[in-house]
Amino acid sequence: MEVLEIFLWGICGGIFAELAGIFEIRHDSPDDLPEWLRSPLYWIITFFMVLAGGLLVVIYVRSGANITAILAVNIGASAPLIIRGLTSGISLKEVPKNIN
């Protein structure tokens, strides 16, 4: 598979994961929808996480992993969990404000 194709499969996975979350609230009244659903910041972060899913699949392929389309979708969907695992030891709240 070409890199662009694998990237797009990863993006599809990220979109599927986001749709699954929104699917959970499909029967809610418009007045009862969560405030975050209307937040531009939420959608900006979601956009970048979907892109991260595609990029993560490309990183796997460039590292020599043999990736199929379904595996690329799976990696793309799990990108937030993978990224959280990679950065679990990093806390921006603990970084000193005055680094000299």
PDB file of N, CA and C in Angstrom:
ATOM      1  N   MET A   1       0.830  -1.180   0.000  1.00  0.00           N
ATOM      2  CA  MET A   1       0.000   0.000   0.000  1.00  0.00           C
ATOM      3  C   MET A   1       0.878   1.248   0.000  1.00  0.00           C
ATOM      4  N   GLU A   2       0.439   2.240  -0.718  1.00  0.00           N
ATOM      5  CA  GLU A   2       1.149   3.515  -0.766  1.00  0.00           C
ATOM      6  C   GLU A   2       0.973   4.265   0.556  1.00  0.00           C
ATOM      7  N   VAL A   3       1.895   5.159   0.845  1.00  0.00           N
ATOM      8  CA  VAL A   3       1.867   5.916   2.093  1.00  0.00           C
ATOM      9  C   VAL A   3       0.586   6.753   2.190  1.00  0.00           C
ATOM     10  N   LEU A   4       0.181   7.395   1.100  1.00  0.00           N
ATOM     11  CA  LEU A   4      -1.036   8.211   1.133  1.00  0.00           C
ATOM     12  C   LEU A   4      -2.253   7.348   1.462  1.00  0.00           C
ATOM     13  N   GLU A   5      -2.327   6.183   0.860  1.00  0.00           N
ATOM     14  CA  GLU A   5      -3.467   5.302   1.130  1.00  0.00           C
ATOM     15  C   GLU A   5      -3.494   4.867   2.596  1.00  0.00           C
ATOM     16  N   ILE A   6      -2.356   4.491   3.130  1.00  0.00           N
ATOM     17  CA  ILE A   6      -2.299   4.044   4.525  1.00  0.00           C
ATOM     18  C   ILE A   6      -2.622   5.213   5.461  1.00  0.00           C
ATOM     19  N   PHE A   7      -2.177   6.420   5.105  1.00  0.00           N
ATOM     20  CA  PHE A   7      -2.498   7.617   5.879  1.00  0.00           C
ATOM     21  C   PHE A   7      -4.009   7.846   5.900  1.00  0.00           C
ATOM     22  N   LEU A   8      -4.647   7.707   4.745  1.00  0.00           N
ATOM     23  CA  LEU A   8      -6.097   7.906   4.662  1.00  0.00           C
ATOM     24  C   LEU A   8      -6.864   6.846   5.442  1.00  0.00           C
ATOM     25  N   TRP A   9      -6.378   5.592   5.439  1.00  0.00           N
ATOM     26  CA  TRP A   9      -7.016   4.552   6.255  1.00  0.00           C
ATOM     27  C   TRP A   9      -6.908   4.908   7.741  1.00  0.00           C
ATOM     28  N   GLY A  10      -5.773   5.429   8.147  1.00  0.00           N
ATOM     29  CA  GLY A  10      -5.607   5.850   9.535  1.00  0.00           C
ATOM     30  C   GLY A  10      -6.545   6.985   9.895  1.00  0.00           C
ATOM     31  N   ILE A  11      -6.715   7.928   8.985  1.00  0.00           N
ATOM     32  CA  ILE A  11      -7.659   9.024   9.199  1.00  0.00           C
ATOM     33  C   ILE A  11      -9.082   8.484   9.321  1.00  0.00           C
ATOM     34  N   CYS A  12      -9.422   7.515   8.484  1.00  0.00           N
ATOM     35  CA  CYS A  12     -10.758   6.892   8.583  1.00  0.00           C
ATOM     36  C   CYS A  12     -10.973   6.310   9.977  1.00  0.00           C
ATOM     37  N   GLY A  13      -9.965   5.667  10.512  1.00  0.00           N
ATOM     38  CA  GLY A  13     -10.069   5.116  11.859  1.00  0.00           C
ATOM     39  C   GLY A  13     -10.322   6.189  12.894  1.00  0.00           C
ATOM     40  N   GLY A  14      -9.629   7.315  12.762  1.00  0.00           N
ATOM     41  CA  GLY A  14      -9.844   8.426  13.682  1.00  0.00           C
ATOM     42  C   GLY A  14     -11.255   8.984  13.574  1.00  0.00           C
ATOM     43  N   ILE A  15     -11.763   9.076  12.360  1.00  0.00           N
ATOM     44  CA  ILE A  15     -13.132   9.553  12.153  1.00  0.00           C
ATOM     45  C   ILE A  15     -14.134   8.562  12.744  1.00  0.00           C
ATOM     46  N   PHE A  16     -13.910   7.268  12.518  1.00  0.00           N
ATOM     47  CA  PHE A  16     -14.813   6.249  13.068  1.00  0.00           C
ATOM     48  C   PHE A  16     -14.865   6.324  14.589  1.00  0.00           C
ATOM     49  N   ALA A  17     -13.711   6.514  15.211  1.00  0.00           N
ATOM     50  CA  ALA A  17     -13.662   6.597  16.671  1.00  0.00           C
ATOM     51  C   ALA A  17     -14.448   7.810  17.155  1.00  0.00           C
ATOM     52  N   GLU A  18     -14.298   8.930  16.473  1.00  0.00           N
ATOM     53  CA  GLU A  18     -15.038  10.129  16.864  1.00  0.00           C
ATOM     54  C   GLU A  18     -16.536   9.945  16.651  1.00  0.00           C
ATOM     55  N   LEU A  19     -16.912   9.332  15.551  1.00  0.00           N
ATOM     56  CA  LEU A  19     -18.327   9.075  15.290  1.00  0.00           C
ATOM     57  C   LEU A  19     -18.931   8.158  16.349  1.00  0.00           C
ATOM     58  N   ALA A  20     -18.153   7.200  16.827  1.00  0.00           N
ATOM     59  CA  ALA A  20     -18.646   6.298  17.866  1.00  0.00           C
ATOM     60  C   ALA A  20     -18.991   7.067  19.134  1.00  0.00           C
ATOM     61  N   GLY A  21     -18.173   8.042  19.484  1.00  0.00           N
ATOM     62  CA  GLY A  21     -18.453   8.855  20.660  1.00  0.00           C
ATOM     63  C   GLY A  21     -19.699   9.701  20.479  1.00  0.00           C
ATOM     64  N   ILE A  22     -19.848  10.276  19.311  1.00  0.00           N
ATOM     65  CA  ILE A  22     -21.021  11.115  19.037  1.00  0.00           C
ATOM     66  C   ILE A  22     -22.273  10.241  18.908  1.00  0.00           C
ATOM     67  N   PHE A  23     -22.110   9.034  18.399  1.00  0.00           N
ATOM     68  CA  PHE A  23     -23.221   8.089  18.245  1.00  0.00           C
ATOM     69  C   PHE A  23     -23.912   7.820  19.580  1.00  0.00           C
ATOM     70  N   GLU A  24     -23.133   7.849  20.651  1.00  0.00           N
ATOM     71  CA  GLU A  24     -23.676   7.586  21.993  1.00  0.00           C
ATOM     72  C   GLU A  24     -24.725   8.624  22.415  1.00  0.00           C
ATOM     73  N   ILE A  25     -24.651   9.813  21.873  1.00  0.00           N
ATOM     74  CA  ILE A  25     -25.576  10.866  22.309  1.00  0.00           C
ATOM     75  C   ILE A  25     -26.634  11.174  21.250  1.00  0.00           C
ATOM     76  N   ARG A  26     -26.814  10.303  20.294  1.00  0.00           N
ATOM     77  CA  ARG A  26     -27.698  10.567  19.165  1.00  0.00           C
ATOM     78  C   ARG A  26     -29.164  10.743  19.546  1.00  0.00           C
ATOM     79  N   HIS A  27     -29.601  10.145  20.639  1.00  0.00           N
ATOM     80  CA  HIS A  27     -31.005  10.248  21.035  1.00  0.00           C
ATOM     81  C   HIS A  27     -31.272  11.391  22.002  1.00  0.00           C
ATOM     82  N   ASP A  28     -30.222  12.102  22.388  1.00  0.00           N
ATOM     83  CA  ASP A  28     -30.406  13.230  23.305  1.00  0.00           C
ATOM     84  C   ASP A  28     -31.125  14.376  22.595  1.00  0.00           C
ATOM     85  N   SER A  29     -31.881  15.103  23.356  1.00  0.00           N
ATOM     86  CA  SER A  29     -32.538  16.302  22.849  1.00  0.00           C
ATOM     87  C   SER A  29     -31.457  17.338  22.528  1.00  0.00           C
ATOM     88  N   PRO A  30     -31.663  18.154  21.501  1.00  0.00           N
ATOM     89  CA  PRO A  30     -30.668  19.198  21.196  1.00  0.00           C
ATOM     90  C   PRO A  30     -30.362  20.094  22.398  1.00  0.00           C
ATOM     91  N   ASP A  31     -31.348  20.283  23.270  1.00  0.00           N
ATOM     92  CA  ASP A  31     -31.121  21.101  24.459  1.00  0.00           C
ATOM     93  C   ASP A  31     -30.245  20.394  25.486  1.00  0.00           C
ATOM     94  N   ASP A  32     -30.194  19.060  25.420  1.00  0.00           N
ATOM     95  CA  ASP A  32     -29.428  18.279  26.394  1.00  0.00           C
ATOM     96  C   ASP A  32     -28.039  17.895  25.897  1.00  0.00           C
ATOM     97  N   LEU A  33     -27.678  18.316  24.689  1.00  0.00           N
ATOM     98  CA  LEU A  33     -26.368  17.953  24.148  1.00  0.00           C
ATOM     99  C   LEU A  33     -25.274  18.599  24.988  1.00  0.00           C
ATOM    100  N   PRO A  34     -24.147  17.910  25.138  1.00  0.00           N
ATOM    101  CA  PRO A  34     -23.054  18.473  25.936  1.00  0.00           C
ATOM    102  C   PRO A  34     -22.517  19.774  25.329  1.00  0.00           C
ATOM    103  N   GLU A  35     -22.084  20.645  26.192  1.00  0.00           N
ATOM    104  CA  GLU A  35     -21.551  21.941  25.749  1.00  0.00           C
ATOM    105  C   GLU A  35     -20.308  21.762  24.876  1.00  0.00           C
ATOM    106  N   TRP A  36     -19.485  20.743  25.177  1.00  0.00           N
ATOM    107  CA  TRP A  36     -18.249  20.538  24.419  1.00  0.00           C
ATOM    108  C   TRP A  36     -18.514  20.271  22.943  1.00  0.00           C
ATOM    109  N   LEU A  37     -19.700  19.754  22.640  1.00  0.00           N
ATOM    110  CA  LEU A  37     -20.031  19.460  21.244  1.00  0.00           C
ATOM    111  C   LEU A  37     -20.144  20.743  20.413  1.00  0.00           C
ATOM    112  N   ARG A  38     -20.414  21.841  21.052  1.00  0.00           N
ATOM    113  CA  ARG A  38     -20.542  23.139  20.381  1.00  0.00           C
ATOM    114  C   ARG A  38     -19.250  23.953  20.439  1.00  0.00           C
ATOM    115  N   SER A  39     -18.235  23.419  21.052  1.00  0.00           N
ATOM    116  CA  SER A  39     -16.999  24.161  21.261  1.00  0.00           C
ATOM    117  C   SER A  39     -16.073  24.071  20.044  1.00  0.00           C
ATOM    118  N   PRO A  40     -15.651  25.207  19.495  1.00  0.00           N
ATOM    119  CA  PRO A  40     -14.678  25.166  18.398  1.00  0.00           C
ATOM    120  C   PRO A  40     -13.371  24.503  18.814  1.00  0.00           C
ATOM    121  N   LEU A  41     -12.957  24.697  20.066  1.00  0.00           N
ATOM    122  CA  LEU A  41     -11.721  24.077  20.545  1.00  0.00           C
ATOM    123  C   LEU A  41     -11.824  22.549  20.473  1.00  0.00           C
ATOM    124  N   TYR A  42     -12.960  22.000  20.849  1.00  0.00           N
ATOM    125  CA  TYR A  42     -13.160  20.553  20.771  1.00  0.00           C
ATOM    126  C   TYR A  42     -12.966  20.065  19.335  1.00  0.00           C
ATOM    127  N   TRP A  43     -13.559  20.759  18.369  1.00  0.00           N
ATOM    128  CA  TRP A  43     -13.476  20.326  16.973  1.00  0.00           C
ATOM    129  C   TRP A  43     -12.071  20.517  16.402  1.00  0.00           C
ATOM    130  N   ILE A  44     -11.368  21.534  16.854  1.00  0.00           N
ATOM    131  CA  ILE A  44      -9.977  21.725  16.412  1.00  0.00           C
ATOM    132  C   ILE A  44      -9.112  20.583  16.932  1.00  0.00           C
ATOM    133  N   ILE A  45      -9.257  20.260  18.203  1.00  0.00           N
ATOM    134  CA  ILE A  45      -8.484  19.153  18.786  1.00  0.00           C
ATOM    135  C   ILE A  45      -8.857  17.838  18.110  1.00  0.00           C
ATOM    136  N   THR A  46     -10.139  17.638  17.843  1.00  0.00           N
ATOM    137  CA  THR A  46     -10.591  16.419  17.157  1.00  0.00           C
ATOM    138  C   THR A  46      -9.960  16.317  15.777  1.00  0.00           C
ATOM    139  N   PHE A  47      -9.921  17.422  15.047  1.00  0.00           N
ATOM    140  CA  PHE A  47      -9.315  17.440  13.722  1.00  0.00           C
ATOM    141  C   PHE A  47      -7.852  16.992  13.788  1.00  0.00           C
ATOM    142  N   PHE A  48      -7.114  17.544  14.748  1.00  0.00           N
ATOM    143  CA  PHE A  48      -5.699  17.185  14.863  1.00  0.00           C
ATOM    144  C   PHE A  48      -5.510  15.745  15.343  1.00  0.00           C
ATOM    145  N   MET A  49      -6.410  15.242  16.176  1.00  0.00           N
ATOM    146  CA  MET A  49      -6.310  13.846  16.606  1.00  0.00           C
ATOM    147  C   MET A  49      -6.593  12.888  15.447  1.00  0.00           C
ATOM    148  N   VAL A  50      -7.530  13.248  14.590  1.00  0.00           N
ATOM    149  CA  VAL A  50      -7.800  12.435  13.400  1.00  0.00           C
ATOM    150  C   VAL A  50      -6.569  12.417  12.497  1.00  0.00           C
ATOM    151  N   LEU A  51      -5.952  13.581  12.301  1.00  0.00           N
ATOM    152  CA  LEU A  51      -4.705  13.631  11.521  1.00  0.00           C
ATOM    153  C   LEU A  51      -3.596  12.829  12.192  1.00  0.00           C
ATOM    154  N   ALA A  52      -3.537  12.886  13.515  1.00  0.00           N
ATOM    155  CA  ALA A  52      -2.528  12.123  14.257  1.00  0.00           C
ATOM    156  C   ALA A  52      -2.713  10.633  14.024  1.00  0.00           C
ATOM    157  N   GLY A  53      -3.954  10.188  13.905  1.00  0.00           N
ATOM    158  CA  GLY A  53      -4.212   8.773  13.609  1.00  0.00           C
ATOM    159  C   GLY A  53      -3.593   8.362  12.288  1.00  0.00           C
ATOM    160  N   GLY A  54      -3.750   9.198  11.272  1.00  0.00           N
ATOM    161  CA  GLY A  54      -3.135   8.907   9.972  1.00  0.00           C
ATOM    162  C   GLY A  54      -1.624   8.951  10.045  1.00  0.00           C
ATOM    163  N   LEU A  55      -1.079   9.934  10.736  1.00  0.00           N
ATOM    164  CA  LEU A  55       0.370  10.062  10.872  1.00  0.00           C
ATOM    165  C   LEU A  55       0.965   8.893  11.650  1.00  0.00           C
ATOM    166  N   LEU A  56       0.267   8.452  12.667  1.00  0.00           N
ATOM    167  CA  LEU A  56       0.753   7.331  13.470  1.00  0.00           C
ATOM    168  C   LEU A  56       0.869   6.058  12.633  1.00  0.00           C
ATOM    169  N   VAL A  57      -0.084   5.844  11.741  1.00  0.00           N
ATOM    170  CA  VAL A  57      -0.020   4.676  10.850  1.00  0.00           C
ATOM    171  C   VAL A  57       1.181   4.794   9.912  1.00  0.00           C
ATOM    172  N   VAL A  58       1.422   5.989   9.416  1.00  0.00           N
ATOM    173  CA  VAL A  58       2.588   6.203   8.539  1.00  0.00           C
ATOM    174  C   VAL A  58       3.872   5.915   9.302  1.00  0.00           C
ATOM    175  N   ILE A  59       3.945   6.328  10.561  1.00  0.00           N
ATOM    176  CA  ILE A  59       5.129   6.051  11.383  1.00  0.00           C
ATOM    177  C   ILE A  59       5.326   4.547  11.541  1.00  0.00           C
ATOM    178  N   TYR A  60       4.252   3.827  11.789  1.00  0.00           N
ATOM    179  CA  TYR A  60       4.342   2.364  11.878  1.00  0.00           C
ATOM    180  C   TYR A  60       4.909   1.777  10.587  1.00  0.00           C
ATOM    181  N   VAL A  61       4.386   2.215   9.439  1.00  0.00           N
ATOM    182  CA  VAL A  61       4.840   1.690   8.145  1.00  0.00           C
ATOM    183  C   VAL A  61       6.304   2.040   7.915  1.00  0.00           C
ATOM    184  N   ARG A  62       6.692   3.266   8.213  1.00  0.00           N
ATOM    185  CA  ARG A  62       8.082   3.697   8.028  1.00  0.00           C
ATOM    186  C   ARG A  62       9.033   2.962   8.972  1.00  0.00           C
ATOM    187  N   SER A  63       8.473   2.417  10.053  1.00  0.00           N
ATOM    188  CA  SER A  63       9.286   1.644  11.004  1.00  0.00           C
ATOM    189  C   SER A  63       9.405   0.183  10.587  1.00  0.00           C
ATOM    190  N   GLY A  64       8.800  -0.163   9.462  1.00  0.00           N
ATOM    191  CA  GLY A  64       8.935  -1.522   8.950  1.00  0.00           C
ATOM    192  C   GLY A  64       7.761  -2.438   9.240  1.00  0.00           C
ATOM    193  N   ALA A  65       6.719  -1.933   9.869  1.00  0.00           N
ATOM    194  CA  ALA A  65       5.555  -2.767  10.167  1.00  0.00           C
ATOM    195  C   ALA A  65       4.771  -3.036   8.885  1.00  0.00           C
ATOM    196  N   ASN A  66       4.288  -4.247   8.749  1.00  0.00           N
ATOM    197  CA  ASN A  66       3.448  -4.618   7.623  1.00  0.00           C
ATOM    198  C   ASN A  66       1.999  -4.341   8.029  1.00  0.00           C
ATOM    199  N   ILE A  67       1.412  -3.304   7.477  1.00  0.00           N
ATOM    200  CA  ILE A  67       0.094  -2.828   7.884  1.00  0.00           C
ATOM    201  C   ILE A  67      -0.928  -3.101   6.786  1.00  0.00           C
ATOM    202  N   THR A  68      -2.042  -3.716   7.170  1.00  0.00           N
ATOM    203  CA  THR A  68      -3.177  -3.890   6.259  1.00  0.00           C
ATOM    204  C   THR A  68      -4.140  -2.736   6.477  1.00  0.00           C
ATOM    205  N   ALA A  69      -5.129  -2.630   5.608  1.00  0.00           N
ATOM    206  CA  ALA A  69      -6.095  -1.534   5.724  1.00  0.00           C
ATOM    207  C   ALA A  69      -6.843  -1.594   7.051  1.00  0.00           C
ATOM    208  N   ILE A  70      -7.290  -2.769   7.450  1.00  0.00           N
ATOM    209  CA  ILE A  70      -8.062  -2.870   8.696  1.00  0.00           C
ATOM    210  C   ILE A  70      -7.189  -2.548   9.908  1.00  0.00           C
ATOM    211  N   LEU A  71      -5.935  -2.927   9.867  1.00  0.00           N
ATOM    212  CA  LEU A  71      -5.023  -2.590  10.953  1.00  0.00           C
ATOM    213  C   LEU A  71      -4.759  -1.083  10.988  1.00  0.00           C
ATOM    214  N   ALA A  72      -4.661  -0.462   9.824  1.00  0.00           N
ATOM    215  CA  ALA A  72      -4.469   0.987   9.754  1.00  0.00           C
ATOM    216  C   ALA A  72      -5.668   1.718  10.358  1.00  0.00           C
ATOM    217  N   VAL A  73      -6.874   1.233  10.074  1.00  0.00           N
ATOM    218  CA  VAL A  73      -8.078   1.830  10.655  1.00  0.00           C
ATOM    219  C   VAL A  73      -8.051   1.676  12.168  1.00  0.00           C
ATOM    220  N   ASN A  74      -7.653   0.508  12.631  1.00  0.00           N
ATOM    221  CA  ASN A  74      -7.586   0.237  14.068  1.00  0.00           C
ATOM    222  C   ASN A  74      -6.568   1.151  14.751  1.00  0.00           C
ATOM    223  N   ILE A  75      -5.394   1.301  14.164  1.00  0.00           N
ATOM    224  CA  ILE A  75      -4.367   2.179  14.738  1.00  0.00           C
ATOM    225  C   ILE A  75      -4.859   3.625  14.728  1.00  0.00           C
ATOM    226  N   GLY A  76      -5.482   4.048  13.637  1.00  0.00           N
ATOM    227  CA  GLY A  76      -6.010   5.408  13.556  1.00  0.00           C
ATOM    228  C   GLY A  76      -7.061   5.674  14.621  1.00  0.00           C
ATOM    229  N   ALA A  77      -7.920   4.686  14.869  1.00  0.00           N
ATOM    230  CA  ALA A  77      -8.966   4.840  15.876  1.00  0.00           C
ATOM    231  C   ALA A  77      -8.389   4.889  17.287  1.00  0.00           C
ATOM    232  N   SER A  78      -7.296   4.184  17.490  1.00  0.00           N
ATOM    233  CA  SER A  78      -6.714   4.133  18.838  1.00  0.00           C
ATOM    234  C   SER A  78      -5.617   5.178  19.044  1.00  0.00           C
ATOM    235  N   ALA A  79      -5.439   6.068  18.100  1.00  0.00           N
ATOM    236  CA  ALA A  79      -4.377   7.080  18.190  1.00  0.00           C
ATOM    237  C   ALA A  79      -4.380   7.856  19.501  1.00  0.00           C
ATOM    238  N   PRO A  80      -5.531   8.334  19.996  1.00  0.00           N
ATOM    239  CA  PRO A  80      -5.484   9.064  21.271  1.00  0.00           C
ATOM    240  C   PRO A  80      -4.930   8.219  22.418  1.00  0.00           C
ATOM    241  N   LEU A  81      -5.283   6.937  22.446  1.00  0.00           N
ATOM    242  CA  LEU A  81      -4.775   6.057  23.506  1.00  0.00           C
ATOM    243  C   LEU A  81      -3.279   5.815  23.354  1.00  0.00           C
ATOM    244  N   ILE A  82      -2.840   5.612  22.121  1.00  0.00           N
ATOM    245  CA  ILE A  82      -1.413   5.376  21.863  1.00  0.00           C
ATOM    246  C   ILE A  82      -0.605   6.622  22.222  1.00  0.00           C
ATOM    247  N   ILE A  83      -1.084   7.780  21.809  1.00  0.00           N
ATOM    248  CA  ILE A  83      -0.378   9.028  22.101  1.00  0.00           C
ATOM    249  C   ILE A  83      -0.349   9.274  23.608  1.00  0.00           C
ATOM    250  N   ARG A  84      -1.461   9.004  24.291  1.00  0.00           N
ATOM    251  CA  ARG A  84      -1.491   9.167  25.748  1.00  0.00           C
ATOM    252  C   ARG A  84      -0.469   8.236  26.398  1.00  0.00           C
ATOM    253  N   GLY A  85      -0.352   7.011  25.902  1.00  0.00           N
ATOM    254  CA  GLY A  85       0.625   6.075  26.448  1.00  0.00           C
ATOM    255  C   GLY A  85       2.055   6.543  26.223  1.00  0.00           C
ATOM    256  N   LEU A  86       2.317   7.109  25.046  1.00  0.00           N
ATOM    257  CA  LEU A  86       3.663   7.587  24.736  1.00  0.00           C
ATOM    258  C   LEU A  86       4.050   8.793  25.582  1.00  0.00           C
ATOM    259  N   THR A  87       3.058   9.587  25.976  1.00  0.00           N
ATOM    260  CA  THR A  87       3.336  10.810  26.720  1.00  0.00           C
ATOM    261  C   THR A  87       2.936  10.712  28.185  1.00  0.00           C
ATOM    262  N   SER A  88       2.692   9.513  28.671  1.00  0.00           N
ATOM    263  CA  SER A  88       2.178   9.356  30.035  1.00  0.00           C
ATOM    264  C   SER A  88       3.131   9.893  31.098  1.00  0.00           C
ATOM    265  N   GLY A  89       4.407   9.909  30.838  1.00  0.00           N
ATOM    266  CA  GLY A  89       5.363  10.413  31.824  1.00  0.00           C
ATOM    267  C   GLY A  89       5.575  11.909  31.742  1.00  0.00           C
ATOM    268  N   ILE A  90       4.928  12.568  30.798  1.00  0.00           N
ATOM    269  CA  ILE A  90       5.113  14.000  30.597  1.00  0.00           C
ATOM    270  C   ILE A  90       3.912  14.740  31.172  1.00  0.00           C
ATOM    271  N   SER A  91       4.171  15.713  32.004  1.00  0.00           N
ATOM    272  CA  SER A  91       3.101  16.539  32.550  1.00  0.00           C
ATOM    273  C   SER A  91       3.477  18.003  32.378  1.00  0.00           C
ATOM    274  N   LEU A  92       2.693  18.714  31.587  1.00  0.00           N
ATOM    275  CA  LEU A  92       2.977  20.135  31.358  1.00  0.00           C
ATOM    276  C   LEU A  92       2.723  20.959  32.607  1.00  0.00           C
ATOM    277  N   LYS A  93       1.922  20.445  33.515  1.00  0.00           N
ATOM    278  CA  LYS A  93       1.643  21.163  34.749  1.00  0.00           C
ATOM    279  C   LYS A  93       2.870  21.199  35.658  1.00  0.00           C
ATOM    280  N   GLU A  94       3.786  20.240  35.477  1.00  0.00           N
ATOM    281  CA  GLU A  94       4.956  20.140  36.342  1.00  0.00           C
ATOM    282  C   GLU A  94       6.178  20.858  35.765  1.00  0.00           C
ATOM    283  N   VAL A  95       6.084  21.384  34.551  1.00  0.00           N
ATOM    284  CA  VAL A  95       7.218  22.054  33.928  1.00  0.00           C
ATOM    285  C   VAL A  95       7.403  23.411  34.577  1.00  0.00           C
ATOM    286  N   PRO A  96       8.611  23.710  35.050  1.00  0.00           N
ATOM    287  CA  PRO A  96       8.848  25.026  35.665  1.00  0.00           C
ATOM    288  C   PRO A  96       8.600  26.141  34.655  1.00  0.00           C
ATOM    289  N   LYS A  97       8.088  27.256  35.134  1.00  0.00           N
ATOM    290  CA  LYS A  97       7.787  28.386  34.260  1.00  0.00           C
ATOM    291  C   LYS A  97       9.050  29.118  33.824  1.00  0.00           C
ATOM    292  N   ASN A  98      10.052  29.168  34.685  1.00  0.00           N
ATOM    293  CA  ASN A  98      11.305  29.845  34.362  1.00  0.00           C
ATOM    294  C   ASN A  98      12.405  28.816  34.157  1.00  0.00           C
ATOM    295  N   ILE A  99      12.537  28.364  32.932  1.00  0.00           N
ATOM    296  CA  ILE A  99      13.604  27.410  32.612  1.00  0.00           C
ATOM    297  C   ILE A  99      14.795  28.200  32.097  1.00  0.00           C
ATOM    298  N   ASN A 100      15.914  28.096  32.801  1.00  0.00           N
ATOM    299  CA  ASN A 100      17.112  28.856  32.409  1.00  0.00           C
ATOM    300  C   ASN A 100      18.114  27.952  31.769  1.00  0.00           C
TER     301      ASN A 100
END
